[in-house]
Amino acid sequence: MIAIDGRYCKGCGICVYFCPKHALELSKEVNSRGFYMPHVVDASKCTNCHQCELFCPDFAVFIVEEEEGADG
């Protein structure tokens, strides 16, 4: 799962540019800080390659790995 922290994101679009599967795109609406924030277009396209996370200059994008199963 791709997570974006709006407190740090400045809407530069680097994560969108480097996503090889085009799972992200910039919003068409400006947020309260005046930025076009990225959002997940299709989470099923994400292959957990971490490119968005690696290239984000503000550490605002990160991948949250889902656990395989619940231990009961």
N, C-alpha and C. Protein backbone atom coordinates (compact mmCIF):
# COMPACT_ATOMS: atom_id res chain seq x y z
N MET A 1 0.84 -1.18 0.00
CA MET A 1 0.00 0.00 0.00
C MET A 1 0.88 1.24 0.00
N ILE A 2 0.54 2.21 -0.81
CA ILE A 2 1.28 3.46 -0.89
C ILE A 2 0.65 4.47 0.06
N ALA A 3 1.47 5.05 0.93
CA ALA A 3 0.99 6.06 1.86
C ALA A 3 1.72 7.37 1.58
N ILE A 4 0.97 8.48 1.64
CA ILE A 4 1.53 9.80 1.39
C ILE A 4 1.21 10.68 2.59
N ASP A 5 2.25 11.25 3.17
CA ASP A 5 2.10 12.11 4.33
C ASP A 5 1.98 13.56 3.85
N GLY A 6 0.78 14.09 3.91
CA GLY A 6 0.50 15.44 3.44
C GLY A 6 1.22 16.53 4.21
N ARG A 7 1.72 16.22 5.39
CA ARG A 7 2.47 17.21 6.17
C ARG A 7 3.81 17.52 5.53
N TYR A 8 4.36 16.56 4.79
CA TYR A 8 5.68 16.73 4.19
C TYR A 8 5.66 16.92 2.68
N CYS A 9 4.62 16.43 2.03
CA CYS A 9 4.54 16.47 0.57
C CYS A 9 4.33 17.90 0.07
N LYS A 10 5.13 18.27 -0.96
CA LYS A 10 4.98 19.59 -1.57
C LYS A 10 4.44 19.48 -3.00
N GLY A 11 3.98 18.30 -3.37
CA GLY A 11 3.35 18.12 -4.67
C GLY A 11 4.29 18.25 -5.85
N CYS A 12 5.55 17.85 -5.69
CA CYS A 12 6.53 18.00 -6.77
C CYS A 12 6.30 17.03 -7.92
N GLY A 13 5.65 15.89 -7.65
CA GLY A 13 5.35 14.92 -8.69
C GLY A 13 6.45 13.94 -9.01
N ILE A 14 7.53 13.97 -8.26
CA ILE A 14 8.64 13.04 -8.52
C ILE A 14 8.18 11.60 -8.34
N CYS A 15 7.37 11.34 -7.34
CA CYS A 15 6.87 9.98 -7.11
C CYS A 15 6.02 9.51 -8.28
N VAL A 16 5.23 10.41 -8.84
CA VAL A 16 4.39 10.07 -9.99
C VAL A 16 5.28 9.75 -11.19
N TYR A 17 6.30 10.56 -11.41
CA TYR A 17 7.20 10.39 -12.55
C TYR A 17 7.95 9.06 -12.50
N PHE A 18 8.41 8.67 -11.31
CA PHE A 18 9.24 7.47 -11.20
C PHE A 18 8.46 6.18 -10.97
N CYS A 19 7.15 6.24 -10.84
CA CYS A 19 6.36 5.02 -10.67
C CYS A 19 6.30 4.28 -12.00
N PRO A 20 6.94 3.08 -12.09
CA PRO A 20 6.97 2.37 -13.37
C PRO A 20 5.62 1.79 -13.79
N LYS A 21 4.70 1.66 -12.85
CA LYS A 21 3.39 1.07 -13.16
C LYS A 21 2.27 2.11 -13.22
N HIS A 22 2.61 3.37 -13.04
CA HIS A 22 1.64 4.47 -13.11
C HIS A 22 0.49 4.29 -12.12
N ALA A 23 0.86 3.91 -10.90
CA ALA A 23 -0.13 3.73 -9.83
C ALA A 23 -0.49 5.05 -9.16
N LEU A 24 0.30 6.10 -9.41
CA LEU A 24 0.09 7.41 -8.80
C LEU A 24 -0.19 8.47 -9.86
N GLU A 25 -0.92 9.50 -9.46
CA GLU A 25 -1.06 10.68 -10.30
C GLU A 25 -1.29 11.88 -9.39
N LEU A 26 -1.02 13.06 -9.92
CA LEU A 26 -1.26 14.27 -9.13
C LEU A 26 -2.74 14.62 -9.18
N SER A 27 -3.24 15.07 -8.05
CA SER A 27 -4.63 15.48 -7.95
C SER A 27 -4.87 16.70 -8.83
N LYS A 28 -6.08 16.88 -9.28
CA LYS A 28 -6.44 18.05 -10.06
C LYS A 28 -6.89 19.21 -9.16
N GLU A 29 -6.99 18.92 -7.86
CA GLU A 29 -7.41 19.93 -6.89
C GLU A 29 -6.26 20.29 -5.97
N VAL A 30 -6.20 21.55 -5.60
CA VAL A 30 -5.17 22.05 -4.70
C VAL A 30 -5.59 21.76 -3.27
N ASN A 31 -4.64 21.31 -2.43
CA ASN A 31 -4.97 21.06 -1.03
C ASN A 31 -4.90 22.36 -0.23
N SER A 32 -5.07 22.30 1.06
CA SER A 32 -5.11 23.49 1.91
C SER A 32 -3.78 24.25 1.93
N ARG A 33 -2.70 23.58 1.58
CA ARG A 33 -1.38 24.22 1.55
C ARG A 33 -1.03 24.75 0.17
N GLY A 34 -1.91 24.54 -0.81
CA GLY A 34 -1.69 25.05 -2.15
C GLY A 34 -0.95 24.10 -3.07
N PHE A 35 -0.89 22.82 -2.74
CA PHE A 35 -0.16 21.84 -3.54
C PHE A 35 -1.12 20.86 -4.21
N TYR A 36 -0.71 20.39 -5.38
CA TYR A 36 -1.42 19.31 -6.06
C TYR A 36 -0.82 18.01 -5.54
N MET A 37 -1.49 17.39 -4.61
CA MET A 37 -0.97 16.20 -3.94
C MET A 37 -1.12 14.96 -4.83
N PRO A 38 -0.15 14.05 -4.75
CA PRO A 38 -0.30 12.78 -5.46
C PRO A 38 -1.33 11.90 -4.75
N HIS A 39 -1.94 11.04 -5.51
CA HIS A 39 -2.85 10.07 -4.91
C HIS A 39 -2.76 8.77 -5.70
N VAL A 40 -3.20 7.71 -5.07
CA VAL A 40 -3.13 6.38 -5.69
C VAL A 40 -4.29 6.25 -6.68
N VAL A 41 -3.95 5.97 -7.93
CA VAL A 41 -4.95 5.78 -8.97
C VAL A 41 -5.50 4.36 -8.92
N ASP A 42 -4.58 3.39 -8.82
CA ASP A 42 -4.97 1.98 -8.80
C ASP A 42 -3.95 1.22 -7.95
N ALA A 43 -4.33 0.90 -6.73
CA ALA A 43 -3.43 0.22 -5.80
C ALA A 43 -3.01 -1.16 -6.31
N SER A 44 -3.82 -1.79 -7.14
CA SER A 44 -3.47 -3.12 -7.65
C SER A 44 -2.30 -3.07 -8.62
N LYS A 45 -2.00 -1.89 -9.17
CA LYS A 45 -0.86 -1.74 -10.07
C LYS A 45 0.47 -1.70 -9.32
N CYS A 46 0.44 -1.34 -8.05
CA CYS A 46 1.65 -1.20 -7.25
C CYS A 46 2.32 -2.56 -7.06
N THR A 47 3.63 -2.62 -7.38
CA THR A 47 4.38 -3.86 -7.23
C THR A 47 5.35 -3.79 -6.04
N ASN A 48 5.22 -2.78 -5.21
CA ASN A 48 6.09 -2.57 -4.04
C ASN A 48 7.56 -2.43 -4.44
N CYS A 49 7.81 -1.74 -5.54
CA CYS A 49 9.18 -1.53 -5.99
C CYS A 49 9.90 -0.45 -5.19
N HIS A 50 9.15 0.37 -4.48
CA HIS A 50 9.67 1.43 -3.61
C HIS A 50 10.31 2.59 -4.36
N GLN A 51 10.12 2.70 -5.66
CA GLN A 51 10.70 3.81 -6.41
C GLN A 51 10.15 5.15 -5.94
N CYS A 52 8.85 5.22 -5.69
CA CYS A 52 8.24 6.47 -5.20
C CYS A 52 8.87 6.88 -3.88
N GLU A 53 9.07 5.91 -3.03
CA GLU A 53 9.65 6.13 -1.70
C GLU A 53 11.11 6.57 -1.81
N LEU A 54 11.87 5.92 -2.67
CA LEU A 54 13.30 6.20 -2.81
C LEU A 54 13.58 7.58 -3.40
N PHE A 55 12.76 8.03 -4.32
CA PHE A 55 13.03 9.29 -5.00
C PHE A 55 12.36 10.50 -4.35
N CYS A 56 11.47 10.30 -3.40
CA CYS A 56 10.78 11.43 -2.75
C CYS A 56 11.81 12.26 -1.96
N PRO A 57 12.00 13.53 -2.33
CA PRO A 57 13.00 14.35 -1.65
C PRO A 57 12.59 14.77 -0.24
N ASP A 58 11.32 14.62 0.08
CA ASP A 58 10.83 15.06 1.39
C ASP A 58 10.41 13.92 2.31
N PHE A 59 10.68 12.69 1.90
CA PHE A 59 10.32 11.50 2.69
C PHE A 59 8.83 11.47 3.03
N ALA A 60 8.02 11.90 2.07
CA ALA A 60 6.58 11.98 2.28
C ALA A 60 5.83 10.75 1.76
N VAL A 61 6.50 9.94 0.95
CA VAL A 61 5.87 8.76 0.38
C VAL A 61 6.55 7.52 0.93
N PHE A 62 5.75 6.56 1.33
CA PHE A 62 6.33 5.31 1.81
C PHE A 62 5.38 4.16 1.53
N ILE A 63 5.96 2.99 1.45
CA ILE A 63 5.20 1.76 1.20
C ILE A 63 4.95 1.06 2.52
N VAL A 64 3.71 0.73 2.76
CA VAL A 64 3.34 -0.04 3.94
C VAL A 64 3.10 -1.47 3.50
N GLU A 65 3.97 -2.35 3.92
CA GLU A 65 3.86 -3.77 3.55
C GLU A 65 2.71 -4.40 4.33
N GLU A 66 1.87 -5.13 3.61
CA GLU A 66 0.78 -5.84 4.26
C GLU A 66 1.29 -7.16 4.79
N GLU A 67 0.81 -7.55 5.97
CA GLU A 67 1.22 -8.82 6.56
C GLU A 67 0.53 -9.97 5.85
N GLU A 68 1.24 -11.09 5.73
CA GLU A 68 0.73 -12.27 5.04
C GLU A 68 -0.50 -12.87 5.70
N GLY A 69 -0.49 -12.95 6.99
CA GLY A 69 -1.61 -13.55 7.71
C GLY A 69 -1.59 -13.14 9.15
N ALA A 70 -2.70 -13.34 9.81
CA ALA A 70 -2.81 -12.96 11.21
C ALA A 70 -2.49 -14.18 12.09
N ASP A 71 -1.62 -13.98 13.05
CA ASP A 71 -1.34 -15.06 14.00
C ASP A 71 -2.39 -15.01 15.09
N GLY A 72 -2.98 -16.14 15.33
CA GLY A 72 -4.11 -16.13 16.22
C GLY A 72 -3.89 -16.76 17.49
